[in-house]
Every structure is written in structure tokens, then in C-alpha cells.
């Protein structure tokens, strides 16, 4: 599916901000061109997340006007879950060193991006890599100590 959105690209504190005109969020780059590439990546990831969760992606109105004095750039991406780099939930469990039940919990809580293909749960490889980069500690998080007054 092709997604088309407009972004306003403007300079702020030495960076180029890429802000979608009719959606929440955004990204940035070190140059105008870098910000446009980041906007394309942001749009792709946002579209994939919407598809994986069975939601329609917000926005889509064109012919917007900039609100920060920047330039409006049209960005389009062609996304399809069947063409994404994904693995089965069992493979995700092996990669993360956890049980399949824990992968199911992480998918339900949104810590991993996943979707169903027939009876198989597929997990976006990028969400697994992001989870590994967080380097979470095994076990339950410790409760914060109560502040004595």
C-alpha cells in the first residue's frame, strides 16, 4: 500500500525538523536531505505499526500550509507487511532468549511489533533488535524504595 503524507521541514537549533502536517510525531536530520530521508523512514515505520495493529493510519490530507516557516515536502512510501523483515514468534523467542509465552506478552503489551499471518504470529525484526539494544535485565523490575519522611 502506498502512503503519502506532507511534512514541514524547518531549521531549529542547528537541526532540520521534519514534522507531519496532519499527524502527531515527527523526526529530524542534520541537513535538509537527511530530514527528508528521516521523514520517509518515520512514515514507513508508522505505517507498518498501524498495519501490524490493524489500525488505519491517521492523516492523509494534502495541500497543507507550513506553520513554522519551513518548506512543505510530500513523502511517499510503499509498505506491505508481507515484504517486511520479520520472523516467527518462536524465532523471536530464541533471538531474545525468552519463552514463547514471554514473546506473546511483549507483543500484547506493544514492546514488540507483531501481526498474524494465518495462524502464525510474525514479529518485526526491527522491534526485536530495538528490544535487544535496550538490554533489559532478566526478571521482574524492582519496586522503588519508599521514601521515609
Protein backbone atom coordinates (compact mmCIF):
# COMPACT_ATOMS: atom_id res chain seq x y z
CA UNK A 1 0.00 0.00 0.00
CA UNK A 2 1.27 3.48 -0.78
CA UNK A 3 1.16 6.10 1.96
CA UNK A 4 1.55 9.78 1.12
CA UNK A 5 1.95 12.49 3.74
CA UNK A 6 3.16 16.06 3.78
CA UNK A 7 5.94 17.13 6.14
CA UNK A 8 7.10 20.59 7.02
CA UNK A 9 10.89 20.75 7.06
CA UNK A 10 12.30 23.65 9.06
CA UNK A 11 15.55 24.50 10.82
CA UNK A 12 15.70 24.68 14.61
CA UNK A 13 18.81 24.80 16.84
CA UNK A 14 21.12 23.52 14.09
CA UNK A 15 18.87 20.61 13.10
CA UNK A 16 16.25 20.21 10.40
CA UNK A 17 12.92 19.15 11.87
CA UNK A 18 10.53 17.01 9.78
CA UNK A 19 7.03 17.37 11.16
CA UNK A 20 4.00 15.76 9.51
CA UNK A 21 1.30 18.33 8.78
CA UNK A 22 -1.70 16.28 9.86
CA UNK A 23 -0.27 13.67 12.22
CA UNK A 24 1.37 13.58 15.64
CA UNK A 25 5.10 12.96 15.90
CA UNK A 26 7.99 13.68 13.62
CA UNK A 27 11.73 13.32 13.24
CA UNK A 28 14.82 15.34 12.34
CA UNK A 29 18.09 15.32 10.42
CA UNK A 30 21.40 17.12 10.27
CA UNK A 31 20.64 18.52 6.80
CA UNK A 32 17.53 19.18 4.75
CA UNK A 33 18.11 15.99 2.72
CA UNK A 34 18.76 13.97 5.88
CA UNK A 35 15.50 15.24 7.39
CA UNK A 36 13.59 14.16 4.26
CA UNK A 37 15.14 10.67 4.47
CA UNK A 38 14.25 10.53 8.17
CA UNK A 39 10.69 11.58 7.33
CA UNK A 40 10.46 8.72 4.84
CA UNK A 41 11.74 6.22 7.41
CA UNK A 42 9.39 7.65 10.06
CA UNK A 43 6.41 7.36 7.70
CA UNK A 44 7.32 3.77 6.80
CA UNK A 45 7.64 2.73 10.45
CA UNK A 46 4.40 4.50 11.39
CA UNK A 47 2.57 2.81 8.51
CA UNK A 48 3.95 -0.64 9.41
CA UNK A 49 2.95 -0.17 13.04
CA UNK A 50 -0.58 0.83 12.00
CA UNK A 51 -0.87 -2.19 9.69
CA UNK A 52 0.50 -4.57 12.33
CA UNK A 53 -2.11 -3.35 14.82
CA UNK A 54 -4.96 -3.38 12.30
CA UNK A 55 -5.50 0.38 12.52
CA UNK A 56 -6.00 2.95 9.83
CA UNK A 57 -3.18 5.45 9.84
CA UNK A 58 -4.25 8.97 10.70
CA UNK A 59 -3.79 11.90 8.36
CA UNK A 60 -3.57 11.91 4.61
CA UNK A 61 -4.86 15.36 3.80
CA UNK A 62 -2.74 17.17 1.20
CA UNK A 63 -2.17 20.83 0.30
CA UNK A 64 -1.29 21.86 3.85
CA UNK A 65 0.45 25.06 4.85
CA UNK A 66 3.61 25.31 6.95
CA UNK A 67 3.27 26.64 10.49
CA UNK A 68 6.98 27.09 11.31
CA UNK A 69 8.13 28.98 8.22
CA UNK A 70 9.59 25.87 6.61
CA UNK A 71 9.06 24.08 3.32
CA UNK A 72 6.33 21.52 2.70
CA UNK A 73 7.65 18.26 1.24
CA UNK A 74 5.50 15.37 0.04
CA UNK A 75 6.83 11.99 1.17
CA UNK A 76 5.51 8.64 -0.03
CA UNK A 77 6.37 5.09 0.95
CA UNK A 78 5.23 1.73 -0.36
CA UNK A 79 4.67 -0.60 2.61
CA UNK A 80 3.37 -4.11 2.93
CA UNK A 81 3.75 -6.41 5.92
CA UNK A 82 4.50 -9.35 3.62
CA UNK A 83 7.65 -7.54 2.39
CA UNK A 84 8.99 -6.60 5.82
CA UNK A 85 11.85 -8.27 7.63
CA UNK A 86 10.00 -10.38 10.17
CA UNK A 87 10.44 -13.68 11.99
CA UNK A 88 8.06 -16.10 13.67
CA UNK A 89 7.30 -15.71 17.36
CA UNK A 90 9.32 -18.87 18.06
CA UNK A 91 12.34 -17.38 16.30
CA UNK A 92 11.83 -14.11 18.20
CA UNK A 93 11.87 -16.07 21.47
CA UNK A 94 15.19 -17.69 20.51
CA UNK A 95 16.70 -14.34 19.48
CA UNK A 96 15.62 -12.70 22.74
CA UNK A 97 16.45 -15.70 24.96
CA UNK A 98 12.93 -15.85 26.40
CA UNK A 99 9.97 -18.20 26.21
CA UNK A 100 7.31 -18.07 23.51
CA UNK A 101 4.82 -17.06 26.20
CA UNK A 102 7.01 -14.06 27.07
CA UNK A 103 7.14 -13.06 23.40
CA UNK A 104 3.33 -13.21 23.31
CA UNK A 105 3.21 -10.94 26.38
CA UNK A 106 5.63 -8.47 24.78
CA UNK A 107 3.56 -8.45 21.58
CA UNK A 108 0.34 -7.81 23.52
CA UNK A 109 1.92 -5.00 25.56
CA UNK A 110 3.37 -3.31 22.48
CA UNK A 111 7.02 -3.95 23.37
CA UNK A 112 7.30 -5.93 20.12
CA UNK A 113 5.52 -5.15 16.85
CA UNK A 114 3.69 -8.21 15.56
CA UNK A 115 0.78 -9.41 13.46
CA UNK A 116 -0.89 -12.64 12.42
CA UNK A 117 -0.31 -14.33 9.06
CA UNK A 118 -2.84 -17.12 9.08
CA UNK A 119 -2.18 -18.99 12.33
CA UNK A 120 1.43 -17.77 12.69
CA UNK A 121 2.43 -14.69 14.67
CA UNK A 122 5.10 -12.68 12.88
CA UNK A 123 7.36 -10.26 14.75
CA UNK A 124 9.07 -7.30 13.11
CA UNK A 125 12.82 -7.92 13.28
CA UNK A 126 13.48 -4.24 13.92
CA UNK A 127 11.36 -4.34 17.09
CA UNK A 128 13.40 -7.34 18.31
CA UNK A 129 16.66 -5.50 17.61
CA UNK A 130 15.36 -2.43 19.44
CA UNK A 131 14.44 -4.59 22.44
CA UNK A 132 17.91 -6.18 22.44
CA UNK A 133 19.51 -2.71 22.26
CA UNK A 134 17.58 -1.72 25.42
CA UNK A 135 19.42 -4.57 27.16
CA UNK A 136 16.65 -5.26 29.69
CA UNK A 137 17.62 -7.11 32.87
CA UNK A 138 16.10 -10.56 33.42
CA UNK A 139 13.34 -10.95 35.96
CA UNK A 140 10.82 -8.50 37.34
CA UNK A 141 11.74 -4.86 37.84
CA UNK A 142 12.44 -3.98 41.46
CA UNK A 143 9.94 -1.84 43.29
CA UNK A 144 11.20 1.61 44.15
CA UNK A 145 12.05 2.03 47.81
CA UNK A 146 9.53 4.02 49.81
CA UNK A 147 10.67 7.47 50.81
CA UNK A 148 10.73 7.83 54.52
CA UNK A 149 9.51 11.12 55.81
